[in-house]
Amino acid sequence: MSHLWLNCGVSFFATEDIMAQQKQDIRAARTEQAIRTAFEEMIMHHEQPIRVTALAKKAGINRKTFYLHYDTIEDLVNTYVDDARVDL
């Protein structure tokens, strides 16, 4: 009876992996939103040039986290261009 859960096709470890992935996805989405919000605020306040260090500080993340999401500030800007293309 204790091994009944193995017969359902999903192991306990697979379920843990799925839950861990979902938690990571939520964190990544939250970080992504923080980066975008900080970037938009910097644009609205005409902060030039926008540097990764300042953006990361405003977003409440460290530089390494920024670089996990984007290669450069230009890469971040390109995501806005890509989003605009999709909306057309």
C-alpha atoms as a PDB file:
ATOM      1  CA  MET A   1       0.000   0.000   0.000  1.00  0.00           C
ATOM      2  CA  SER A   2       2.885   2.388   0.706  1.00  0.00           C
ATOM      3  CA  HIS A   3       4.010   2.112  -2.935  1.00  0.00           C
ATOM      4  CA  LEU A   4       0.599   2.885  -4.410  1.00  0.00           C
ATOM      5  CA  TRP A   5       1.700   6.391  -5.424  1.00  0.00           C
ATOM      6  CA  LEU A   6       4.278   4.840  -7.802  1.00  0.00           C
ATOM      7  CA  ASN A   7       1.501   3.253  -9.838  1.00  0.00           C
ATOM      8  CA  CYS A   8      -0.114   6.576 -10.747  1.00  0.00           C
ATOM      9  CA  GLY A   9       2.680   7.398 -13.229  1.00  0.00           C
ATOM     10  CA  VAL A  10       4.131  10.375 -11.330  1.00  0.00           C
ATOM     11  CA  SER A  11       6.798   9.838  -8.759  1.00  0.00           C
ATOM     12  CA  PHE A  12       7.191  11.917  -5.636  1.00  0.00           C
ATOM     13  CA  PHE A  13      10.503  13.253  -6.935  1.00  0.00           C
ATOM     14  CA  ALA A  14       8.962  14.358 -10.240  1.00  0.00           C
ATOM     15  CA  THR A  15       6.290  16.237  -8.307  1.00  0.00           C
ATOM     16  CA  GLU A  16       8.974  17.964  -6.221  1.00  0.00           C
ATOM     17  CA  ASP A  17      10.831  18.927  -9.404  1.00  0.00           C
ATOM     18  CA  ILE A  18       7.672  20.406 -10.911  1.00  0.00           C
ATOM     19  CA  MET A  19       6.962  22.389  -7.737  1.00  0.00           C
ATOM     20  CA  ALA A  20      10.550  23.668  -7.635  1.00  0.00           C
ATOM     21  CA  GLN A  21      10.327  24.709 -11.293  1.00  0.00           C
ATOM     22  CA  GLN A  22       7.063  26.580 -10.673  1.00  0.00           C
ATOM     23  CA  LYS A  23       8.601  28.402  -7.711  1.00  0.00           C
ATOM     24  CA  GLN A  24      11.611  29.331  -9.842  1.00  0.00           C
ATOM     25  CA  ASP A  25       9.326  30.542 -12.655  1.00  0.00           C
ATOM     26  CA  ILE A  26       7.420  32.787 -10.239  1.00  0.00           C
ATOM     27  CA  ARG A  27      10.681  34.231  -8.917  1.00  0.00           C
ATOM     28  CA  ALA A  28      12.000  34.794 -12.437  1.00  0.00           C
ATOM     29  CA  ALA A  29       8.776  36.544 -13.446  1.00  0.00           C
ATOM     30  CA  ARG A  30       8.928  38.736 -10.345  1.00  0.00           C
ATOM     31  CA  THR A  31      12.552  39.658 -11.083  1.00  0.00           C
ATOM     32  CA  GLU A  32      11.730  40.339 -14.726  1.00  0.00           C
ATOM     33  CA  GLN A  33       8.943  42.681 -13.662  1.00  0.00           C
ATOM     34  CA  ALA A  34      11.246  44.469 -11.198  1.00  0.00           C
ATOM     35  CA  ILE A  35      13.828  45.022 -13.945  1.00  0.00           C
ATOM     36  CA  ARG A  36      11.239  46.361 -16.370  1.00  0.00           C
ATOM     37  CA  THR A  37       9.650  48.635 -13.773  1.00  0.00           C
ATOM     38  CA  ALA A  38      13.030  50.059 -12.775  1.00  0.00           C
ATOM     39  CA  PHE A  39      13.965  50.571 -16.430  1.00  0.00           C
ATOM     40  CA  GLU A  40      10.686  52.332 -17.207  1.00  0.00           C
ATOM     41  CA  GLU A  41      11.070  54.605 -14.170  1.00  0.00           C
ATOM     42  CA  MET A  42      14.592  55.508 -15.252  1.00  0.00           C
ATOM     43  CA  ILE A  43      13.341  56.326 -18.756  1.00  0.00           C
ATOM     44  CA  MET A  44      10.465  58.437 -17.374  1.00  0.00           C
ATOM     45  CA  HIS A  45      12.905  60.414 -15.197  1.00  0.00           C
ATOM     46  CA  HIS A  46      15.299  60.885 -18.131  1.00  0.00           C
ATOM     47  CA  GLU A  47      18.163  59.168 -16.337  1.00  0.00           C
ATOM     48  CA  GLN A  48      20.936  58.952 -18.913  1.00  0.00           C
ATOM     49  CA  PRO A  49      22.911  56.896 -19.480  1.00  0.00           C
ATOM     50  CA  ILE A  50      21.191  53.893 -17.949  1.00  0.00           C
ATOM     51  CA  ARG A  51      23.812  51.653 -16.393  1.00  0.00           C
ATOM     52  CA  VAL A  52      23.331  48.086 -15.198  1.00  0.00           C
ATOM     53  CA  THR A  53      24.534  48.974 -11.697  1.00  0.00           C
ATOM     54  CA  ALA A  54      21.966  51.764 -11.278  1.00  0.00           C
ATOM     55  CA  LEU A  55      19.180  49.706 -12.835  1.00  0.00           C
ATOM     56  CA  ALA A  56      19.922  46.722 -10.613  1.00  0.00           C
ATOM     57  CA  LYS A  57      19.968  48.911  -7.523  1.00  0.00           C
ATOM     58  CA  LYS A  58      16.623  50.475  -8.439  1.00  0.00           C
ATOM     59  CA  ALA A  59      15.151  47.016  -9.141  1.00  0.00           C
ATOM     60  CA  GLY A  60      16.410  45.662  -5.817  1.00  0.00           C
ATOM     61  CA  ILE A  61      18.544  42.975  -7.421  1.00  0.00           C
ATOM     62  CA  ASN A  62      22.262  42.497  -7.905  1.00  0.00           C
ATOM     63  CA  ARG A  63      24.090  42.887 -11.202  1.00  0.00           C
ATOM     64  CA  LYS A  64      24.579  39.157 -11.610  1.00  0.00           C
ATOM     65  CA  THR A  65      20.809  38.662 -11.489  1.00  0.00           C
ATOM     66  CA  PHE A  66      20.367  41.266 -14.225  1.00  0.00           C
ATOM     67  CA  TYR A  67      22.875  39.388 -16.380  1.00  0.00           C
ATOM     68  CA  LEU A  68      20.974  36.132 -15.847  1.00  0.00           C
ATOM     69  CA  HIS A  69      18.035  37.795 -17.628  1.00  0.00           C
ATOM     70  CA  TYR A  70      19.790  40.057 -20.162  1.00  0.00           C
ATOM     71  CA  ASP A  71      23.203  40.326 -21.765  1.00  0.00           C
ATOM     72  CA  THR A  72      23.211  44.140 -21.883  1.00  0.00           C
ATOM     73  CA  ILE A  73      20.957  47.172 -21.494  1.00  0.00           C
ATOM     74  CA  GLU A  74      20.561  47.047 -25.286  1.00  0.00           C
ATOM     75  CA  ASP A  75      19.261  43.491 -24.956  1.00  0.00           C
ATOM     76  CA  LEU A  76      16.649  44.772 -22.489  1.00  0.00           C
ATOM     77  CA  VAL A  77      15.661  47.552 -24.912  1.00  0.00           C
ATOM     78  CA  ASN A  78      15.334  44.968 -27.694  1.00  0.00           C
ATOM     79  CA  THR A  79      12.740  43.068 -25.665  1.00  0.00           C
ATOM     80  CA  TYR A  80      10.571  46.195 -25.750  1.00  0.00           C
ATOM     81  CA  VAL A  81      11.031  46.397 -29.522  1.00  0.00           C
ATOM     82  CA  ASP A  82      10.135  42.726 -29.868  1.00  0.00           C
ATOM     83  CA  ASP A  83       7.059  43.203 -27.687  1.00  0.00           C
ATOM     84  CA  ALA A  84       5.974  46.155 -29.845  1.00  0.00           C
ATOM     85  CA  ARG A  85       6.329  44.048 -33.001  1.00  0.00           C
ATOM     86  CA  VAL A  86       4.114  41.341 -31.515  1.00  0.00           C
ATOM     87  CA  ASP A  87       1.473  43.942 -30.628  1.00  0.00           C
ATOM     88  CA  LEU A  88       1.298  45.206 -34.243  1.00  0.00           C
END
